[in-house]
Amino acid sequence: MSLKFHWFLPTYGDSRFIVGGGHGVPAGVAGGARPATIAYLGQIARSAEQIGFEAALTPTGAWCEDAWLITAMLNEVSDHLKFLVAFRPGIMSPTLGAQMASTFQNASQGRLLLNIVVGGEDHEQRAYGDFLDKDARYARADEWLEVVRRLWTGERVTFQGDHVHVEDAYIPRLPDPLPPFYFGGSSPAAGAVAARHSDVYLTWGEPLDAVAKKVAWIRKLAAEQGRTVRFGIRLHVIARDTAEAAWTEAQRLLDAIDPATIANVQAGLARSQSEGQKRMQALHGGSKNNLLVGPNLWAGVGLVRGGAGTALVGSHSEIADRIREYAEVGIEEFVLSGVPHLEEAYWFGEGVLPILQRDGLWQHPRGKAPAPSANVPFAPVADPTLKVAAQ
């Protein structure tokens, strides 16, 4: 098995502290100091591909920059990194969506992955002109994705469904290769659509037993459709040389969050219809107490951030162990992030990935061998019994 690792592009800004946003929460409520410029996001993209991340997830919504435009620009300042871009049924027509994805895939030479975002917040959907309720949005997504898939086979499509109607739809140039669909959702309606359409089912970072149950649930639904599905997980990460250093960093992030900010964010998240968001909130209960919800699994991020709200925290070897455990229950792809995103990518890439490579669980997507350890002049001597003469 070779696991895949993806990183994250903070298209709402970055910081040395947790930056809020998503699922109805305005970006910046927890502080952001680095604007989401192409120059800075380009640094993250170039570093991620050098380290060995396969792709980068970009968020979507009114709280961040548009994912399609940002990633199209970043395609020109990076070489190999793929982009996991939001595909939003209902916000655009399936014909336009199929055409956009085809154009991006061909112009980027195969660097597009698609994250199906049906929408968990009625108020945000209405801001974009979508007035369907949650279950109807999933029903529409089912029809929408069927039309997209058929268009990508070269078919001329006339389709009349409950929510989608196209007549003699056609796109002249097909995407090569077909962009895979990444699909998340914890409700019964989400599971049914994911089983029919997803190539990779994504879950947020829940404890191991809960993730195992989700994998079994979707695997069974997909088998009933005659399909097989890969599985991925979305997590934050705080990886350090020692467990003590990692937990010290987690505490620093937590200490910077005041109770008023938590109350404000949690009030906004309470409006969410997303079953996954409710499960994230249940892990921390809106309190700074009892945030360790599994081995090395910390729920502090979710106090001020919508969406993925848990982080793996620990030494490099501890985090490698937790990744191995998730892999054993079926997770093959890990979509990670950490603040600041530039520095944390290196902590994980230089600390955890070599362990996973040594154990045969990961290899660089372009077959590169790990860089040899640097021989840095005047570095501290490893053996404490050796003395360095005073200069």
Protein backbone atom coordinates (compact mmCIF):
# COMPACT_ATOMS: atom_id res chain seq x y z
CA MET A 1 0.00 0.00 0.00
CA SER A 2 1.19 3.51 -0.81
CA LEU A 3 -0.74 6.19 1.00
CA LYS A 4 -1.40 9.58 -0.59
CA PHE A 5 -0.96 12.85 1.25
CA HIS A 6 -2.50 16.18 0.28
CA TRP A 7 -2.02 19.63 1.78
CA PHE A 8 -4.30 22.69 2.05
CA LEU A 9 -4.28 26.19 0.57
CA PRO A 10 -5.54 28.85 3.03
CA THR A 11 -7.27 31.07 0.48
CA TYR A 12 -8.71 33.17 3.31
CA GLY A 13 -5.33 34.06 4.83
CA ASP A 14 -2.85 32.34 7.11
CA SER A 15 -1.48 32.95 10.58
CA ARG A 16 0.58 31.57 13.44
CA PHE A 17 -2.76 31.09 15.16
CA ILE A 18 -5.93 29.25 14.19
CA VAL A 19 -7.84 31.22 11.57
CA GLY A 20 -11.59 30.79 11.74
CA GLY A 21 -13.97 30.45 8.82
CA GLY A 22 -16.17 28.04 6.97
CA HIS A 23 -19.67 26.68 7.54
CA GLY A 24 -21.16 30.08 8.17
CA VAL A 25 -18.27 31.52 10.19
CA PRO A 26 -16.51 34.65 8.86
CA ALA A 27 -12.83 34.19 8.13
CA GLY A 28 -10.43 35.90 10.47
CA VAL A 29 -12.40 35.63 13.70
CA ALA A 30 -9.40 33.93 15.30
CA GLY A 31 -6.80 36.18 13.70
CA GLY A 32 -5.05 36.08 10.35
CA ALA A 33 -1.80 37.83 9.52
CA ARG A 34 -0.74 36.58 6.08
CA PRO A 35 -2.95 37.66 3.18
CA ALA A 36 -3.91 35.02 0.62
CA THR A 37 -1.75 36.45 -2.16
CA ILE A 38 -0.61 34.40 -5.13
CA ALA A 39 2.96 34.99 -3.97
CA TYR A 40 2.31 33.42 -0.55
CA LEU A 41 0.00 30.65 -1.75
CA GLY A 42 2.58 29.93 -4.42
CA GLN A 43 5.19 29.42 -1.72
CA ILE A 44 2.94 26.86 -0.07
CA ALA A 45 2.17 25.12 -3.37
CA ARG A 46 5.82 24.88 -4.42
CA SER A 47 6.88 23.65 -0.98
CA ALA A 48 4.08 21.08 -0.85
CA GLU A 49 5.01 19.53 -4.18
CA GLN A 50 8.71 19.47 -3.27
CA ILE A 51 7.95 17.74 0.03
CA GLY A 52 5.85 15.07 -1.64
CA PHE A 53 2.22 16.09 -1.25
CA GLU A 54 0.12 14.91 -4.17
CA ALA A 55 -2.46 17.72 -4.24
CA ALA A 56 -3.79 20.69 -2.29
CA LEU A 57 -7.38 21.18 -1.16
CA THR A 58 -8.89 24.63 -1.66
CA PRO A 59 -11.92 25.71 0.39
CA THR A 60 -15.05 27.24 -1.08
CA GLY A 61 -17.62 29.78 0.04
CA ALA A 62 -18.08 33.49 0.59
CA TRP A 63 -15.45 33.45 3.36
CA CYS A 64 -12.50 32.73 1.02
CA GLU A 65 -11.21 33.50 -2.45
CA ASP A 66 -12.68 31.63 -5.41
CA ALA A 67 -11.04 28.21 -5.69
CA TRP A 68 -11.13 27.93 -9.49
CA LEU A 69 -9.45 31.26 -10.15
CA ILE A 70 -6.82 30.87 -7.44
CA THR A 71 -5.79 27.39 -8.49
CA ALA A 72 -5.69 28.34 -12.17
CA MET A 73 -3.18 31.04 -11.24
CA LEU A 74 -1.20 28.69 -8.99
CA ASN A 75 -0.96 26.19 -11.80
CA GLU A 76 1.44 28.63 -13.46
CA VAL A 77 3.71 29.03 -10.43
CA SER A 78 3.99 25.33 -9.55
CA ASP A 79 5.10 22.31 -11.55
CA HIS A 80 3.36 19.11 -10.44
CA LEU A 81 0.99 19.76 -7.55
CA LYS A 82 -2.62 18.81 -8.24
CA PHE A 83 -5.53 20.89 -6.99
CA LEU A 84 -8.58 19.53 -5.19
CA VAL A 85 -11.13 22.14 -6.27
CA ALA A 86 -14.75 22.53 -5.14
CA PHE A 87 -17.35 21.29 -7.63
CA ARG A 88 -20.72 22.71 -6.52
CA PRO A 89 -23.88 21.16 -8.01
CA GLY A 90 -26.60 23.79 -8.26
CA ILE A 91 -24.31 26.81 -8.21
CA MET A 92 -23.66 26.27 -11.92
CA SER A 93 -25.18 24.17 -14.68
CA PRO A 94 -23.78 20.65 -15.16
CA THR A 95 -22.81 21.49 -18.73
CA LEU A 96 -20.80 24.53 -17.66
CA GLY A 97 -19.26 22.56 -14.78
CA ALA A 98 -18.24 19.72 -17.10
CA GLN A 99 -16.74 22.22 -19.56
CA MET A 100 -14.83 24.15 -16.87
CA ALA A 101 -13.38 20.97 -15.40
CA SER A 102 -12.42 19.68 -18.84
CA THR A 103 -10.68 22.95 -19.71
CA PHE A 104 -8.80 23.01 -16.41
CA GLN A 105 -7.77 19.37 -16.65
CA ASN A 106 -6.46 19.65 -20.18
CA ALA A 107 -4.78 23.03 -19.76
CA SER A 108 -3.09 21.89 -16.54
CA GLN A 109 -2.08 18.52 -18.02
CA GLY A 110 -4.04 16.45 -15.55
CA ARG A 111 -3.68 18.41 -12.30
CA LEU A 112 -7.38 18.64 -11.34
CA LEU A 113 -9.22 16.69 -8.63
CA LEU A 114 -12.82 17.61 -7.78
CA ASN A 115 -14.29 18.01 -4.29
CA ILE A 116 -18.09 17.69 -4.52
CA VAL A 117 -19.62 20.34 -2.23
CA VAL A 118 -23.39 20.01 -1.99
CA GLY A 119 -23.69 22.64 0.77
CA GLY A 120 -24.59 22.18 4.43
CA GLU A 121 -25.79 25.70 5.23
CA ASP A 122 -29.15 26.92 3.92
CA HIS A 123 -28.25 30.57 4.55
CA GLU A 124 -25.03 30.34 2.51
CA GLN A 125 -26.77 28.51 -0.33
CA ARG A 126 -29.48 31.17 -0.45
CA ALA A 127 -26.79 33.84 -0.77
CA TYR A 128 -25.74 32.07 -3.98
CA GLY A 129 -29.33 31.87 -5.22
CA ASP A 130 -30.00 28.26 -4.18
CA PHE A 131 -33.19 27.76 -2.15
CA LEU A 132 -33.41 23.96 -1.97
CA ASP A 133 -33.24 22.22 1.40
CA LYS A 134 -30.43 19.83 2.28
CA ASP A 135 -32.00 16.55 1.13
CA ALA A 136 -33.14 18.14 -2.14
CA ARG A 137 -29.59 19.40 -2.72
CA TYR A 138 -28.31 15.82 -2.52
CA ALA A 139 -31.03 14.65 -4.91
CA ARG A 140 -30.02 17.40 -7.32
CA ALA A 141 -26.34 16.49 -6.95
CA ASP A 142 -27.19 12.92 -7.96
CA GLU A 143 -28.76 14.13 -11.21
CA TRP A 144 -26.11 16.80 -11.81
CA LEU A 145 -23.20 14.38 -11.46
CA GLU A 146 -24.89 11.87 -13.75
CA VAL A 147 -25.10 14.51 -16.47
CA VAL A 148 -21.45 15.51 -15.97
CA ARG A 149 -20.26 11.90 -16.20
CA ARG A 150 -22.27 11.33 -19.38
CA LEU A 151 -20.93 14.50 -20.97
CA TRP A 152 -17.39 13.32 -20.21
CA THR A 153 -18.02 10.17 -22.27
CA GLY A 154 -18.69 12.33 -25.32
CA GLU A 155 -22.43 11.77 -25.22
CA ARG A 156 -24.96 14.38 -26.31
CA VAL A 157 -27.18 14.57 -23.26
CA THR A 158 -30.84 15.43 -22.98
CA PHE A 159 -31.92 14.96 -19.38
CA GLN A 160 -35.12 15.85 -17.54
CA GLY A 161 -34.96 15.18 -13.82
CA ASP A 162 -36.64 16.62 -10.76
CA HIS A 163 -33.92 19.26 -10.43
CA VAL A 164 -31.72 19.20 -13.57
CA HIS A 165 -32.89 19.82 -17.12
CA VAL A 166 -30.53 20.05 -20.09
CA GLU A 167 -31.26 19.64 -23.78
CA ASP A 168 -28.76 18.44 -26.38
CA ALA A 169 -25.87 19.22 -24.03
CA TYR A 170 -22.40 18.52 -25.38
CA ILE A 171 -18.78 19.50 -24.74
CA PRO A 172 -16.36 19.31 -27.67
CA ARG A 173 -13.21 18.37 -25.74
CA LEU A 174 -13.18 15.71 -23.04
CA PRO A 175 -10.97 15.85 -19.93
CA ASP A 176 -7.91 13.61 -20.02
CA PRO A 177 -7.69 11.96 -17.57
CA LEU A 178 -11.15 12.14 -16.03
CA PRO A 179 -10.93 14.15 -12.77
CA PRO A 180 -11.82 11.93 -9.79
CA PHE A 181 -14.70 12.91 -7.51
CA TYR A 182 -13.99 13.37 -3.80
CA PHE A 183 -17.21 13.33 -1.80
CA GLY A 184 -17.98 13.73 1.89
CA GLY A 185 -21.11 13.66 4.01
CA SER A 186 -22.42 11.83 7.05
CA SER A 187 -26.18 11.87 6.48
CA PRO A 188 -28.13 9.01 4.82
CA ALA A 189 -28.77 11.24 1.79
CA ALA A 190 -25.05 11.96 1.47
CA GLY A 191 -24.12 8.29 1.78
CA ALA A 192 -26.44 7.24 -1.03
CA VAL A 193 -25.05 9.83 -3.46
CA ALA A 194 -21.45 9.19 -2.42
CA ALA A 195 -21.88 5.46 -3.07
CA ARG A 196 -23.11 6.14 -6.61
CA HIS A 197 -20.63 8.81 -7.64
CA SER A 198 -17.55 9.20 -5.42
CA ASP A 199 -14.13 7.91 -6.37
CA VAL A 200 -12.80 8.89 -2.94
CA TYR A 201 -15.08 9.22 0.08
CA LEU A 202 -13.79 11.84 2.53
CA THR A 203 -14.51 11.99 6.24
CA TRP A 204 -13.45 14.60 8.74
CA GLY A 205 -11.04 13.51 11.47
CA GLU A 206 -13.19 11.55 13.87
CA PRO A 207 -11.86 8.95 16.34
CA LEU A 208 -10.70 5.68 14.84
CA ASP A 209 -13.80 3.61 15.68
CA ALA A 210 -16.13 6.20 14.15
CA VAL A 211 -14.03 6.36 10.99
CA ALA A 212 -14.02 2.56 10.70
CA LYS A 213 -17.83 2.54 10.89
CA LYS A 214 -18.06 5.19 8.15
CA VAL A 215 -15.73 3.21 5.90
CA ALA A 216 -17.82 0.06 6.38
CA TRP A 217 -21.05 2.02 5.75
CA ILE A 218 -19.94 3.56 2.46
CA ARG A 219 -18.17 0.41 1.30
CA LYS A 220 -21.42 -1.54 1.73
CA LEU A 221 -23.51 1.10 -0.07
CA ALA A 222 -21.00 1.25 -2.93
CA ALA A 223 -20.92 -2.55 -3.25
CA GLU A 224 -24.70 -2.51 -3.63
CA GLN A 225 -24.14 -0.21 -6.63
CA GLY A 226 -21.49 -2.56 -8.03
CA ARG A 227 -18.74 -0.04 -7.25
CA THR A 228 -15.61 0.22 -5.13
CA VAL A 229 -14.53 3.46 -3.45
CA ARG A 230 -11.27 4.71 -1.98
CA PHE A 231 -11.33 6.48 1.39
CA GLY A 232 -9.68 9.64 2.66
CA ILE A 233 -9.65 11.72 5.84
CA ARG A 234 -9.35 15.46 6.46
CA LEU A 235 -7.21 16.42 9.47
CA HIS A 236 -5.03 19.19 10.83
CA VAL A 237 -1.62 18.24 12.15
CA ILE A 238 0.89 19.49 14.73
CA ALA A 239 4.04 17.38 14.32
CA ARG A 240 7.20 18.05 16.30
CA ASP A 241 10.43 16.31 17.26
CA THR A 242 8.96 15.45 20.66
CA ALA A 243 5.45 14.96 22.00
CA GLU A 244 6.10 17.65 24.59
CA ALA A 245 6.95 20.21 21.92
CA ALA A 246 3.83 19.33 19.92
CA TRP A 247 1.47 19.65 22.88
CA THR A 248 3.16 22.90 23.91
CA GLU A 249 2.29 24.25 20.46
CA ALA A 250 -1.31 23.04 20.76
CA GLN A 251 -1.59 24.77 24.13
CA ARG A 252 -0.18 27.98 22.66
CA LEU A 253 -2.89 27.95 20.01
CA LEU A 254 -5.54 27.24 22.61
CA ASP A 255 -4.34 29.97 24.97
CA ALA A 256 -4.74 32.53 22.18
CA ILE A 257 -8.48 31.83 21.86
CA ASP A 258 -10.71 33.88 24.13
CA PRO A 259 -14.11 32.58 25.35
CA ALA A 260 -16.01 35.29 23.46
CA THR A 261 -14.54 34.09 20.17
CA ILE A 262 -15.53 30.51 20.93
CA ALA A 263 -19.08 31.57 21.79
CA ASN A 264 -19.34 33.64 18.61
CA VAL A 265 -18.07 30.86 16.36
CA GLN A 266 -20.16 28.13 17.97
CA ALA A 267 -23.30 30.26 17.63
CA GLY A 268 -22.60 30.56 13.91
CA LEU A 269 -21.91 26.86 13.52
CA ALA A 270 -25.14 25.99 15.32
CA ARG A 271 -26.99 27.08 12.16
CA SER A 272 -25.31 24.35 10.10
CA GLN A 273 -27.43 21.54 8.68
CA SER A 274 -24.30 19.48 8.05
CA GLU A 275 -24.34 16.17 9.92
CA GLY A 276 -20.54 16.13 9.76
CA GLN A 277 -20.36 19.57 11.35
CA LYS A 278 -22.62 18.43 14.18
CA ARG A 279 -20.34 15.46 14.77
CA MET A 280 -17.32 17.78 14.92
CA GLN A 281 -19.04 20.01 17.47
CA ALA A 282 -20.04 17.04 19.59
CA LEU A 283 -16.36 16.17 20.06
CA HIS A 284 -15.54 19.38 21.95
CA GLY A 285 -18.95 20.62 23.11
CA GLY A 286 -17.83 24.24 22.73
CA SER A 287 -15.49 23.95 25.72
CA LYS A 288 -11.72 24.13 26.14
CA ASN A 289 -11.90 21.19 28.53
CA ASN A 290 -11.44 17.54 27.52
CA LEU A 291 -10.21 18.23 23.99
CA LEU A 292 -8.28 14.96 23.69
CA VAL A 293 -10.87 12.80 21.92
CA GLY A 294 -8.63 9.91 20.89
CA PRO A 295 -4.96 8.95 20.93
CA ASN A 296 -3.14 12.09 19.72
CA LEU A 297 -6.46 13.42 18.36
CA TRP A 298 -7.16 16.98 19.56
CA ALA A 299 -10.48 18.78 18.98
CA GLY A 300 -9.26 22.31 19.76
CA VAL A 301 -9.28 23.52 16.15
CA GLY A 302 -13.04 23.10 15.92
CA LEU A 303 -13.62 25.63 18.70
CA VAL A 304 -13.06 28.47 16.23
CA ARG A 305 -13.19 26.86 12.80
CA GLY A 306 -15.98 25.29 10.79
CA GLY A 307 -15.46 22.07 8.88
CA ALA A 308 -12.52 19.88 9.84
CA GLY A 309 -11.97 20.54 13.54
CA THR A 310 -9.48 17.96 14.79
CA ALA A 311 -5.71 17.71 14.67
CA LEU A 312 -3.21 14.92 15.10
CA VAL A 313 -0.80 16.21 17.74
CA GLY A 314 2.41 14.49 18.79
CA SER A 315 5.92 13.46 17.91
CA HIS A 316 6.66 12.43 14.36
CA SER A 317 6.64 8.75 15.31
CA GLU A 318 3.35 9.08 17.21
CA ILE A 319 1.63 10.73 14.26
CA ALA A 320 3.04 8.07 11.93
CA ASP A 321 1.52 5.45 14.25
CA ARG A 322 -1.91 7.13 14.15
CA ILE A 323 -1.76 7.35 10.34
CA ARG A 324 -0.91 3.66 10.22
CA GLU A 325 -3.98 2.89 12.38
CA TYR A 326 -6.27 4.90 10.10
CA ALA A 327 -4.78 3.08 7.12
CA GLU A 328 -5.57 -0.25 8.76
CA VAL A 329 -9.30 0.61 8.81
CA GLY A 330 -9.27 1.60 5.14
CA ILE A 331 -8.04 5.20 4.85
CA GLU A 332 -5.71 5.61 1.88
CA GLU A 333 -5.59 9.39 1.40
CA PHE A 334 -4.87 12.07 4.02
CA VAL A 335 -5.82 15.71 3.42
CA LEU A 336 -3.81 17.64 5.99
CA SER A 337 -3.21 21.22 7.10
CA GLY A 338 -1.57 23.14 9.92
CA VAL A 339 -0.80 26.71 10.88
CA PRO A 340 1.09 28.39 9.46
CA HIS A 341 0.59 26.23 6.39
CA LEU A 342 4.05 26.86 4.98
CA GLU A 343 6.01 25.91 8.09
CA GLU A 344 3.74 23.08 9.19
CA ALA A 345 4.05 21.41 5.78
CA TYR A 346 7.78 21.08 6.44
CA TRP A 347 7.32 19.81 9.99
CA PHE A 348 5.17 16.97 8.66
CA GLY A 349 7.09 16.43 5.44
CA GLU A 350 10.53 16.27 7.02
CA GLY A 351 9.45 14.49 10.21
CA VAL A 352 6.60 12.09 9.48
CA LEU A 353 6.88 11.19 5.79
CA PRO A 354 10.38 9.67 6.11
CA ILE A 355 9.06 7.30 8.80
CA LEU A 356 6.17 6.23 6.58
CA GLN A 357 8.53 5.80 3.65
CA ARG A 358 10.87 3.65 5.73
CA ASP A 359 7.93 1.45 6.70
CA GLY A 360 6.77 1.05 3.10
CA LEU A 361 3.56 3.06 3.56
CA TRP A 362 4.45 6.03 1.36
CA GLN A 363 6.64 6.98 -1.55
CA HIS A 364 7.18 10.34 -3.16
CA PRO A 365 4.64 10.76 -6.00
CA ARG A 366 7.48 11.45 -8.43
CA GLY A 367 9.71 8.68 -7.13
CA LYS A 368 12.25 10.91 -5.44
CA ALA A 369 14.43 9.47 -2.72
CA PRO A 370 14.44 11.40 0.59
CA ALA A 371 17.07 14.10 0.77
CA PRO A 372 20.14 13.17 2.82
CA SER A 373 20.46 14.79 6.20
CA ALA A 374 22.18 18.13 5.95
CA ASN A 375 25.66 18.44 7.39
CA VAL A 376 25.32 21.85 8.98
CA PRO A 377 28.56 23.49 10.18
CA PHE A 378 28.57 24.52 13.83
CA ALA A 379 25.38 22.53 14.60
CA PRO A 380 25.04 21.44 18.24
CA VAL A 381 26.96 18.24 18.98
CA ALA A 382 24.63 15.26 19.44
CA ASP A 383 26.78 13.53 22.09
CA PRO A 384 26.43 15.54 25.35
CA THR A 385 29.72 14.13 26.63
CA LEU A 386 31.61 15.95 23.90
CA LYS A 387 32.71 19.48 24.67
CA VAL A 388 33.20 22.34 22.26
CA ALA A 389 36.01 24.71 23.09
CA ALA A 390 34.92 28.24 23.87
CA GLN A 391 35.66 30.69 21.10
